[in-house]
């Protein structure tokens, strides 16, 4: 009976040792699994952090590019406005010079007419009525021709000024 009890005790001891080894192995596997999960979570967290950093870096580069493009556009618009202002000033100066030439031509013609009339009056006083009439007609023809020429010059200058202004406007619109 002792032998049976000893065998039973040995079998119970072997079962207990086996159960302890199984439990130890279970704990070992659970710890290993927990460690692997922790490592995987750390790796995932590191990847997420790297992705967030990459996204932040990309957003910063995009914002920097937007600022760069906005500054470039502002510079180009300022340059275009400066060119437009210069063109407008040049057109205004050309128009002023044209007006001065027209006024000078008018004065010149008025002085010439006054001189011709004075000469005609001196001829009239001298008694050369026939010569006066012929000279008056010739002078009238000359005046008419000179006035027509002055008018044509004024129209040509106005047309030129209008073309210059239209060209400047077209250039400005093309730049916009």
N, C-alpha and C. Protein backbone atom coordinates (compact mmCIF):
# COMPACT_ATOMS: atom_id res chain seq x y z
N UNK A 1 0.82 -1.17 0.00
CA UNK A 1 0.00 0.00 0.00
C UNK A 1 0.88 1.25 0.00
N UNK A 2 1.97 1.12 0.69
CA UNK A 2 2.91 2.22 0.69
C UNK A 2 3.42 2.48 -0.72
N UNK A 3 3.62 1.39 -1.44
CA UNK A 3 4.11 1.54 -2.78
C UNK A 3 3.08 2.27 -3.62
N UNK A 4 1.82 1.92 -3.49
CA UNK A 4 0.76 2.55 -4.25
C UNK A 4 0.64 4.00 -3.85
N UNK A 5 0.71 4.29 -2.55
CA UNK A 5 0.62 5.65 -2.05
C UNK A 5 1.79 6.46 -2.56
N UNK A 6 2.98 5.81 -2.60
CA UNK A 6 4.18 6.52 -3.06
C UNK A 6 4.05 6.82 -4.55
N UNK A 7 3.51 5.85 -5.29
CA UNK A 7 3.31 6.08 -6.73
C UNK A 7 2.29 7.18 -6.95
N UNK A 8 1.24 7.14 -6.16
CA UNK A 8 0.22 8.17 -6.26
C UNK A 8 0.82 9.52 -5.93
N UNK A 9 1.62 9.54 -4.89
CA UNK A 9 2.25 10.79 -4.46
C UNK A 9 3.22 11.26 -5.55
N UNK A 10 3.98 10.32 -6.13
CA UNK A 10 4.93 10.67 -7.19
C UNK A 10 4.18 11.16 -8.41
N UNK A 11 3.02 10.49 -8.74
CA UNK A 11 2.23 10.91 -9.89
C UNK A 11 1.64 12.29 -9.62
N UNK A 12 1.19 12.55 -8.38
CA UNK A 12 0.63 13.85 -8.03
C UNK A 12 1.71 14.91 -8.10
N UNK A 13 2.93 14.53 -7.62
CA UNK A 13 4.06 15.47 -7.66
C UNK A 13 4.43 15.76 -9.10
N UNK A 14 4.44 14.74 -9.96
CA UNK A 14 4.77 14.92 -11.37
C UNK A 14 3.71 15.79 -12.03
N UNK A 15 2.42 15.58 -11.68
CA UNK A 15 1.33 16.39 -12.25
C UNK A 15 1.46 17.83 -11.79
N UNK A 16 1.82 18.03 -10.47
CA UNK A 16 1.99 19.37 -9.94
C UNK A 16 3.14 20.07 -10.65
N UNK A 17 4.27 19.36 -10.83
CA UNK A 17 5.44 19.94 -11.50
C UNK A 17 5.07 20.27 -12.94
N UNK A 18 4.35 19.33 -13.59
CA UNK A 18 3.94 19.56 -14.97
C UNK A 18 3.02 20.77 -15.05
N UNK A 19 2.06 20.87 -14.10
CA UNK A 19 1.13 22.02 -14.09
C UNK A 19 1.91 23.30 -13.87
N UNK A 20 2.95 23.27 -12.99
CA UNK A 20 3.76 24.47 -12.74
C UNK A 20 4.52 24.86 -14.00
N UNK A 21 5.07 23.84 -14.71
CA UNK A 21 5.80 24.14 -15.93
C UNK A 21 4.87 24.72 -16.99
N UNK A 22 3.66 24.15 -17.08
CA UNK A 22 2.67 24.67 -18.04
C UNK A 22 2.32 26.12 -17.69
N UNK A 23 2.08 26.38 -16.42
CA UNK A 23 1.75 27.74 -15.97
C UNK A 23 2.92 28.69 -16.23
N UNK A 24 4.14 28.21 -15.96
CA UNK A 24 5.33 29.04 -16.20
C UNK A 24 5.44 29.34 -17.69
N UNK A 25 5.20 28.31 -18.52
CA UNK A 25 5.27 28.50 -19.97
C UNK A 25 4.18 29.47 -20.43
N UNK A 26 2.97 29.33 -19.86
CA UNK A 26 1.88 30.25 -20.21
C UNK A 26 2.27 31.69 -19.86
N UNK A 27 2.83 31.88 -18.62
CA UNK A 27 3.26 33.22 -18.19
C UNK A 27 4.35 33.76 -19.12
N UNK A 28 5.29 32.85 -19.46
CA UNK A 28 6.38 33.23 -20.34
C UNK A 28 5.84 33.67 -21.71
N UNK A 29 4.92 32.88 -22.26
CA UNK A 29 4.33 33.23 -23.56
C UNK A 29 3.50 34.51 -23.46
N UNK A 30 2.76 34.68 -22.36
CA UNK A 30 1.95 35.88 -22.17
C UNK A 30 2.85 37.10 -22.07
N UNK A 31 3.98 36.97 -21.32
CA UNK A 31 4.93 38.09 -21.19
C UNK A 31 5.55 38.42 -22.54
N UNK A 32 5.92 37.33 -23.29
CA UNK A 32 6.51 37.54 -24.61
C UNK A 32 5.52 38.24 -25.53
N UNK A 33 4.25 37.77 -25.47
CA UNK A 33 3.21 38.38 -26.31
C UNK A 33 2.99 39.83 -25.91
N UNK A 34 2.96 40.11 -24.61
CA UNK A 34 2.77 41.48 -24.13
C UNK A 34 3.94 42.35 -24.56
N UNK A 35 5.16 41.80 -24.50
CA UNK A 35 6.34 42.55 -24.91
C UNK A 35 6.28 42.85 -26.42
N UNK A 36 5.90 41.83 -27.22
CA UNK A 36 5.79 42.02 -28.66
C UNK A 36 4.72 43.06 -28.99
N UNK A 37 3.58 43.01 -28.26
CA UNK A 37 2.53 44.00 -28.48
C UNK A 37 3.01 45.40 -28.11
N UNK A 38 3.75 45.51 -27.00
CA UNK A 38 4.28 46.81 -26.58
C UNK A 38 5.25 47.34 -27.63
N UNK A 39 6.12 46.43 -28.16
CA UNK A 39 7.07 46.85 -29.19
C UNK A 39 6.32 47.29 -30.45
N UNK A 40 5.29 46.52 -30.82
CA UNK A 40 4.51 46.88 -32.00
C UNK A 40 3.82 48.23 -31.80
N UNK A 41 3.28 48.45 -30.59
CA UNK A 41 2.62 49.74 -30.31
C UNK A 41 3.64 50.88 -30.35
N UNK A 42 4.83 50.65 -29.80
CA UNK A 42 5.87 51.68 -29.84
C UNK A 42 6.28 51.98 -31.28
N UNK A 43 6.43 50.89 -32.07
CA UNK A 43 6.78 51.07 -33.48
C UNK A 43 5.68 51.85 -34.20
N UNK A 44 4.42 51.48 -33.94
CA UNK A 44 3.28 52.18 -34.56
C UNK A 44 3.25 53.64 -34.14
N UNK A 45 3.47 53.88 -32.84
CA UNK A 45 3.48 55.27 -32.35
C UNK A 45 4.61 56.06 -33.01
N UNK A 46 5.78 55.44 -33.19
CA UNK A 46 6.91 56.12 -33.85
C UNK A 46 6.56 56.42 -35.30
N UNK A 47 5.93 55.45 -35.99
CA UNK A 47 5.53 55.66 -37.39
C UNK A 47 4.49 56.78 -37.49
N UNK A 48 3.53 56.78 -36.56
CA UNK A 48 2.51 57.84 -36.54
C UNK A 48 3.15 59.21 -36.32
N UNK A 49 4.11 59.25 -35.38
CA UNK A 49 4.80 60.51 -35.09
C UNK A 49 5.58 60.97 -36.32
N UNK A 50 6.25 60.02 -36.99
CA UNK A 50 7.02 60.36 -38.20
C UNK A 50 6.07 60.87 -39.29
N UNK A 51 4.90 60.22 -39.44
CA UNK A 51 3.93 60.65 -40.45
C UNK A 51 3.39 62.04 -40.11
N UNK A 52 3.12 62.29 -38.83
CA UNK A 52 2.64 63.61 -38.41
C UNK A 52 3.71 64.67 -38.68
N UNK A 53 4.96 64.34 -38.40
CA UNK A 53 6.07 65.28 -38.65
C UNK A 53 6.21 65.56 -40.14
N UNK A 54 6.07 64.49 -40.96
CA UNK A 54 6.14 64.67 -42.42
C UNK A 54 5.00 65.55 -42.91
N UNK A 55 3.79 65.33 -42.37
CA UNK A 55 2.64 66.14 -42.77
C UNK A 55 2.85 67.60 -42.36
N UNK A 56 3.37 67.82 -41.13
CA UNK A 56 3.63 69.19 -40.66
C UNK A 56 4.68 69.86 -41.54
N UNK A 57 5.72 69.11 -41.87
CA UNK A 57 6.79 69.64 -42.72
C UNK A 57 6.24 69.99 -44.11
N UNK A 58 5.41 69.11 -44.66
CA UNK A 58 4.80 69.37 -45.97
C UNK A 58 3.91 70.61 -45.91
N UNK A 59 3.12 70.74 -44.85
CA UNK A 59 2.25 71.91 -44.70
C UNK A 59 3.08 73.18 -44.62
N UNK A 60 4.21 73.13 -43.91
CA UNK A 60 5.09 74.30 -43.82
C UNK A 60 5.66 74.66 -45.19
N UNK A 61 6.07 73.64 -45.96
CA UNK A 61 6.62 73.91 -47.31
C UNK A 61 5.53 74.49 -48.21
N UNK A 62 4.31 73.97 -48.09
CA UNK A 62 3.20 74.50 -48.90
C UNK A 62 2.94 75.96 -48.55
N UNK A 63 2.89 76.27 -47.26
CA UNK A 63 2.66 77.66 -46.83
C UNK A 63 3.78 78.58 -47.29
N UNK A 64 5.01 78.09 -47.20
CA UNK A 64 6.15 78.90 -47.66
C UNK A 64 6.04 79.16 -49.15
N UNK A 65 5.66 78.16 -49.92
CA UNK A 65 5.50 78.33 -51.38
C UNK A 65 4.38 79.31 -51.68
N UNK A 66 3.27 79.20 -50.92
CA UNK A 66 2.16 80.13 -51.12
C UNK A 66 2.61 81.56 -50.87
N UNK A 67 3.36 81.77 -49.78
CA UNK A 67 3.87 83.12 -49.47
C UNK A 67 4.79 83.60 -50.59
N UNK A 68 5.66 82.70 -51.05
CA UNK A 68 6.61 83.06 -52.12
C UNK A 68 5.86 83.48 -53.39
N UNK A 69 4.83 82.70 -53.76
CA UNK A 69 4.06 83.03 -54.96
C UNK A 69 3.28 84.32 -54.78
N UNK A 70 2.72 84.54 -53.58
CA UNK A 70 1.98 85.78 -53.33
C UNK A 70 2.91 86.99 -53.41
N UNK A 71 4.12 86.86 -52.85
CA UNK A 71 5.09 87.97 -52.92
C UNK A 71 5.50 88.23 -54.36
N UNK A 72 5.71 87.16 -55.13
CA UNK A 72 6.09 87.32 -56.54
C UNK A 72 4.97 88.01 -57.31
N UNK A 73 3.73 87.60 -57.07
CA UNK A 73 2.60 88.21 -57.76
C UNK A 73 2.48 89.68 -57.39
N UNK A 74 2.66 90.00 -56.11
CA UNK A 74 2.58 91.40 -55.67
C UNK A 74 3.67 92.23 -56.34
N UNK A 75 4.89 91.65 -56.44
CA UNK A 75 5.99 92.37 -57.11
C UNK A 75 5.66 92.61 -58.57
N UNK A 76 5.15 91.58 -59.24
CA UNK A 76 4.82 91.71 -60.67
C UNK A 76 3.72 92.75 -60.87
N UNK A 77 2.71 92.75 -59.99
CA UNK A 77 1.64 93.75 -60.11
C UNK A 77 2.18 95.16 -59.88
N UNK A 78 3.07 95.31 -58.90
CA UNK A 78 3.66 96.63 -58.64
C UNK A 78 4.47 97.10 -59.84
N UNK A 79 5.23 96.18 -60.44
CA UNK A 79 6.02 96.54 -61.62
C UNK A 79 5.11 96.92 -62.78
N UNK A 80 4.02 96.17 -62.96
CA UNK A 80 3.07 96.48 -64.04
C UNK A 80 2.44 97.85 -63.82
N UNK A 81 2.08 98.15 -62.57
CA UNK A 81 1.48 99.45 -62.27
C UNK A 81 2.49 100.57 -62.52
N UNK A 82 3.75 100.33 -62.18
CA UNK A 82 4.80 101.33 -62.42
C UNK A 82 4.96 101.59 -63.92
N UNK A 83 4.99 100.49 -64.70
CA UNK A 83 5.10 100.65 -66.16
C UNK A 83 3.90 101.41 -66.70
N UNK A 84 2.71 101.07 -66.20
CA UNK A 84 1.50 101.74 -66.66
C UNK A 84 1.56 103.23 -66.32
N UNK A 85 2.00 103.56 -65.11
CA UNK A 85 2.10 104.96 -64.71
C UNK A 85 3.10 105.70 -65.59
N UNK A 86 4.21 105.05 -65.92
CA UNK A 86 5.20 105.67 -66.80
C UNK A 86 4.63 105.89 -68.20
N UNK A 87 3.90 104.91 -68.70
CA UNK A 87 3.29 105.05 -70.02
C UNK A 87 2.27 106.17 -70.03
N UNK A 88 1.48 106.25 -68.96
CA UNK A 88 0.48 107.32 -68.86
C UNK A 88 1.16 108.69 -68.81
N UNK A 89 2.24 108.78 -68.04
CA UNK A 89 2.98 110.05 -67.95
C UNK A 89 3.56 110.42 -69.31
N UNK A 90 4.11 109.44 -70.04
CA UNK A 90 4.68 109.70 -71.36
C UNK A 90 3.59 110.16 -72.32
N UNK A 91 2.41 109.51 -72.26
CA UNK A 91 1.31 109.90 -73.14
C UNK A 91 0.84 111.31 -72.81
N UNK A 92 0.77 111.64 -71.52
CA UNK A 92 0.35 112.98 -71.12
C UNK A 92 1.37 114.02 -71.59
N UNK A 93 2.64 113.68 -71.48
CA UNK A 93 3.70 114.60 -71.94
C UNK A 93 3.62 114.80 -73.45
N UNK A 94 3.39 113.71 -74.19
CA UNK A 94 3.26 113.81 -75.65
C UNK A 94 2.06 114.69 -76.02
N UNK A 95 0.95 114.52 -75.31
CA UNK A 95 -0.24 115.33 -75.57
C UNK A 95 0.04 116.80 -75.25
N UNK A 96 0.77 117.07 -74.16
CA UNK A 96 1.09 118.45 -73.80
C UNK A 96 1.98 119.08 -74.87
N UNK A 97 2.99 118.35 -75.32
CA UNK A 97 3.87 118.87 -76.36
C UNK A 97 3.11 119.13 -77.66
N UNK A 98 2.20 118.22 -78.00
CA UNK A 98 1.38 118.39 -79.20
C UNK A 98 0.54 119.67 -79.09
N UNK A 99 -0.04 119.87 -77.91
CA UNK A 99 -0.87 121.06 -77.70
C UNK A 99 -0.01 122.32 -77.80
N UNK A 100 1.20 122.29 -77.29
CA UNK A 100 2.10 123.44 -77.39
C UNK A 100 2.43 123.75 -78.84
N UNK A 101 2.69 122.69 -79.65
CA UNK A 101 3.00 122.91 -81.06
C UNK A 101 1.79 123.50 -81.79
N UNK A 102 0.61 123.01 -81.45
CA UNK A 102 -0.60 123.54 -82.09
C UNK A 102 -0.78 125.02 -81.74
N UNK A 103 -0.60 125.34 -80.47
CA UNK A 103 -0.74 126.74 -80.03
C UNK A 103 0.31 127.63 -80.69
N UNK A 104 1.55 127.14 -80.80
CA UNK A 104 2.61 127.91 -81.45
C UNK A 104 2.27 128.14 -82.92
N UNK A 105 1.75 127.13 -83.58
CA UNK A 105 1.37 127.28 -85.00
C UNK A 105 0.23 128.29 -85.15
N UNK A 106 -0.73 128.24 -84.22
CA UNK A 106 -1.83 129.22 -84.27
C UNK A 106 -1.30 130.64 -84.12
N UNK A 107 -0.38 130.84 -83.16
CA UNK A 107 0.21 132.18 -82.97
C UNK A 107 0.96 132.63 -84.21
N UNK A 108 1.73 131.70 -84.79
CA UNK A 108 2.50 132.01 -85.99
C UNK A 108 1.57 132.44 -87.12
N UNK A 109 0.48 131.69 -87.31
CA UNK A 109 -0.48 132.05 -88.37
C UNK A 109 -1.17 133.38 -88.09
N UNK A 110 -1.49 133.62 -86.82
CA UNK A 110 -2.15 134.90 -86.48
C UNK A 110 -1.20 136.07 -86.73
N UNK A 111 0.07 135.90 -86.36
CA UNK A 111 1.05 136.97 -86.59
C UNK A 111 1.23 137.21 -88.08
N UNK A 112 1.30 136.14 -88.84
CA UNK A 112 1.46 136.26 -90.29
C UNK A 112 0.26 136.98 -90.90
N UNK A 113 -0.92 136.62 -90.44
CA UNK A 113 -2.14 137.26 -90.95
C UNK A 113 -2.14 138.75 -90.61
N UNK A 114 -1.77 139.07 -89.38
CA UNK A 114 -1.73 140.48 -88.98
C UNK A 114 -0.72 141.25 -89.83
N UNK A 115 0.42 140.63 -90.09
CA UNK A 115 1.45 141.27 -90.91
C UNK A 115 0.94 141.48 -92.33
N UNK A 116 0.26 140.47 -92.87
CA UNK A 116 -0.27 140.58 -94.22
C UNK A 116 -1.33 141.68 -94.30
N UNK A 117 -2.18 141.76 -93.27
CA UNK A 117 -3.20 142.80 -93.26
C UNK A 117 -2.57 144.19 -93.16
N UNK A 118 -1.51 144.31 -92.36
CA UNK A 118 -0.82 145.60 -92.26
C UNK A 118 -0.20 145.99 -93.59
N UNK A 119 0.40 145.00 -94.25
CA UNK A 119 0.98 145.28 -95.57
C UNK A 119 -0.11 145.66 -96.56
N UNK A 120 -1.24 144.95 -96.48
CA UNK A 120 -2.34 145.26 -97.39
C UNK A 120 -2.87 146.66 -97.13
N UNK A 121 -2.93 147.06 -95.88
CA UNK A 121 -3.41 148.40 -95.55
C UNK A 121 -2.43 149.45 -96.09
N UNK A 122 -1.13 149.17 -96.00
CA UNK A 122 -0.16 150.14 -96.52
C UNK A 122 -0.26 150.24 -98.04
N UNK A 123 -0.56 149.11 -98.69
CA UNK A 123 -0.77 149.14 -100.15
C UNK A 123 -2.03 149.92 -100.48
N UNK A 124 -3.04 149.72 -99.68
CA UNK A 124 -4.31 150.40 -99.92
C UNK A 124 -4.14 151.90 -99.78
N UNK A 125 -3.42 152.30 -98.78
CA UNK A 125 -3.19 153.71 -98.57
C UNK A 125 -2.37 154.30 -99.72
N UNK A 126 -1.55 153.50 -100.34
CA UNK A 126 -0.72 153.99 -101.44
C UNK A 126 -1.53 154.12 -102.71
N UNK A 127 -2.75 153.68 -102.71
CA UNK A 127 -3.62 153.85 -103.86
C UNK A 127 -3.62 152.68 -104.81
N UNK A 128 -3.04 151.57 -104.45
CA UNK A 128 -2.98 150.43 -105.37
C UNK A 128 -4.15 149.51 -105.07
N UNK A 129 -5.34 149.98 -105.44
CA UNK A 129 -6.56 149.23 -105.12
C UNK A 129 -6.61 147.91 -105.87
N UNK A 130 -6.24 147.90 -107.13
CA UNK A 130 -6.30 146.66 -107.89
C UNK A 130 -5.29 145.65 -107.33
N UNK A 131 -4.10 146.14 -107.07
CA UNK A 131 -3.08 145.25 -106.51
C UNK A 131 -3.54 144.73 -105.16
N UNK A 132 -4.20 145.62 -104.39
CA UNK A 132 -4.70 145.21 -103.06
C UNK A 132 -5.71 144.08 -103.18
N UNK A 133 -6.63 144.22 -104.12
CA UNK A 133 -7.67 143.20 -104.27
C UNK A 133 -7.02 141.87 -104.66
N UNK A 134 -6.06 141.91 -105.59
CA UNK A 134 -5.39 140.68 -106.02
C UNK A 134 -4.59 140.09 -104.85
N UNK A 135 -3.89 140.97 -104.12
CA UNK A 135 -3.11 140.49 -102.97
C UNK A 135 -4.02 139.95 -101.87
N UNK A 136 -5.15 140.62 -101.67
CA UNK A 136 -6.11 140.18 -100.65
C UNK A 136 -6.64 138.79 -100.99
N UNK A 137 -6.91 138.59 -102.27
CA UNK A 137 -7.40 137.27 -102.71
C UNK A 137 -6.30 136.23 -102.52
N UNK A 138 -5.07 136.59 -102.91
CA UNK A 138 -3.95 135.65 -102.75
C UNK A 138 -3.72 135.36 -101.26
N UNK A 139 -3.81 136.42 -100.44
CA UNK A 139 -3.62 136.24 -99.00
C UNK A 139 -4.73 135.36 -98.42
N UNK A 140 -5.95 135.60 -98.89
CA UNK A 140 -7.07 134.79 -98.41
C UNK A 140 -6.86 133.33 -98.80
N UNK A 141 -6.37 133.12 -100.00
CA UNK A 141 -6.08 131.74 -100.44
C UNK A 141 -4.98 131.13 -99.59
N UNK A 142 -3.94 131.92 -99.33
CA UNK A 142 -2.84 131.44 -98.49
C UNK A 142 -3.33 131.12 -97.08
N UNK A 143 -4.15 132.05 -96.54
CA UNK A 143 -4.68 131.81 -95.19
C UNK A 143 -5.53 130.54 -95.15
N UNK A 144 -6.37 130.44 -96.15
CA UNK A 144 -7.25 129.27 -96.20
C UNK A 144 -6.41 127.99 -96.28
N UNK A 145 -5.38 128.04 -97.13
CA UNK A 145 -4.50 126.89 -97.26
C UNK A 145 -3.74 126.63 -95.95
N UNK A 146 -3.24 127.70 -95.32
CA UNK A 146 -2.51 127.56 -94.06
C UNK A 146 -3.43 127.04 -92.96
N UNK A 147 -4.66 127.57 -92.90
CA UNK A 147 -5.61 127.09 -91.88
C UNK A 147 -5.97 125.63 -92.12
N UNK A 148 -6.14 125.28 -93.39
CA UNK A 148 -6.44 123.88 -93.71
C UNK A 148 -5.27 122.99 -93.30
N UNK A 149 -4.05 123.45 -93.61
CA UNK A 149 -2.86 122.69 -93.24
C UNK A 149 -2.76 122.57 -91.71
N UNK A 150 -3.01 123.67 -91.00
CA UNK A 150 -2.95 123.65 -89.53
C UNK A 150 -4.01 122.71 -88.97
N UNK A 151 -5.19 122.75 -89.57
CA UNK A 151 -6.26 121.86 -89.10
C UNK A 151 -5.88 120.40 -89.34
N UNK A 152 -5.30 120.12 -90.52
CA UNK A 152 -4.88 118.75 -90.82
C UNK A 152 -3.78 118.31 -89.85
N UNK A 153 -2.85 119.22 -89.54
CA UNK A 153 -1.80 118.88 -88.58
C UNK A 153 -2.40 118.62 -87.20
N UNK A 154 -3.36 119.45 -86.80
CA UNK A 154 -4.00 119.27 -85.50
C UNK A 154 -4.74 117.93 -85.45
N UNK A 155 -5.45 117.60 -86.53
CA UNK A 155 -6.16 116.33 -86.59
C UNK A 155 -5.18 115.15 -86.55
N UNK A 156 -4.07 115.31 -87.30
CA UNK A 156 -3.06 114.25 -87.30
C UNK A 156 -2.47 114.07 -85.90
N UNK A 157 -2.20 115.18 -85.23
CA UNK A 157 -1.63 115.11 -83.89
C UNK A 157 -2.65 114.50 -82.90
N UNK A 158 -3.92 114.88 -83.03
CA UNK A 158 -4.96 114.30 -82.16
C UNK A 158 -5.10 112.81 -82.42
N UNK A 159 -5.05 112.43 -83.72
CA UNK A 159 -5.13 111.01 -84.07
C UNK A 159 -3.94 110.26 -83.49
N UNK A 160 -2.75 110.86 -83.60
CA UNK A 160 -1.53 110.26 -83.05
C UNK A 160 -1.66 110.09 -81.54
N UNK A 161 -2.13 111.13 -80.87
CA UNK A 161 -2.29 111.06 -79.42
C UNK A 161 -3.30 109.97 -79.04
N UNK A 162 -4.39 109.85 -79.81
CA UNK A 162 -5.41 108.83 -79.53
C UNK A 162 -4.82 107.43 -79.75
N UNK A 163 -4.02 107.26 -80.83
CA UNK A 163 -3.40 105.97 -81.08
C UNK A 163 -2.41 105.61 -79.97
N UNK A 164 -1.63 106.60 -79.53
CA UNK A 164 -0.70 106.36 -78.43
C UNK A 164 -1.44 105.93 -77.17
N UNK A 165 -2.53 106.62 -76.88
CA UNK A 165 -3.30 106.29 -75.68
C UNK A 165 -3.92 104.91 -75.82
N UNK A 166 -4.43 104.57 -77.02
CA UNK A 166 -5.03 103.24 -77.24
C UNK A 166 -3.97 102.16 -77.11
N UNK A 167 -2.77 102.43 -77.64
CA UNK A 167 -1.68 101.45 -77.54
C UNK A 167 -1.28 101.24 -76.08
N UNK A 168 -1.20 102.34 -75.33
CA UNK A 168 -0.85 102.23 -73.91
C UNK A 168 -1.93 101.44 -73.17
N UNK A 169 -3.19 101.70 -73.48
CA UNK A 169 -4.29 100.99 -72.82
C UNK A 169 -4.26 99.50 -73.17
N UNK A 170 -4.00 99.20 -74.46
CA UNK A 170 -3.93 97.80 -74.90
C UNK A 170 -2.77 97.09 -74.19
N UNK A 171 -1.64 97.78 -74.09
CA UNK A 171 -0.49 97.18 -73.40
C UNK A 171 -0.81 96.93 -71.94
N UNK A 172 -1.49 97.87 -71.31
CA UNK A 172 -1.85 97.70 -69.90
C UNK A 172 -2.81 96.53 -69.74
N UNK A 173 -3.78 96.42 -70.64
CA UNK A 173 -4.75 95.32 -70.53
C UNK A 173 -4.08 93.98 -70.78
N UNK A 174 -3.11 93.96 -71.68
CA UNK A 174 -2.41 92.69 -71.95
C UNK A 174 -1.62 92.26 -70.73
N UNK A 175 -1.07 93.22 -70.01
CA UNK A 175 -0.28 92.89 -68.82
C UNK A 175 -1.18 92.44 -67.68
N UNK A 176 -2.40 92.87 -67.69
CA UNK A 176 -3.30 92.45 -66.61
C UNK A 176 -3.71 91.03 -66.86
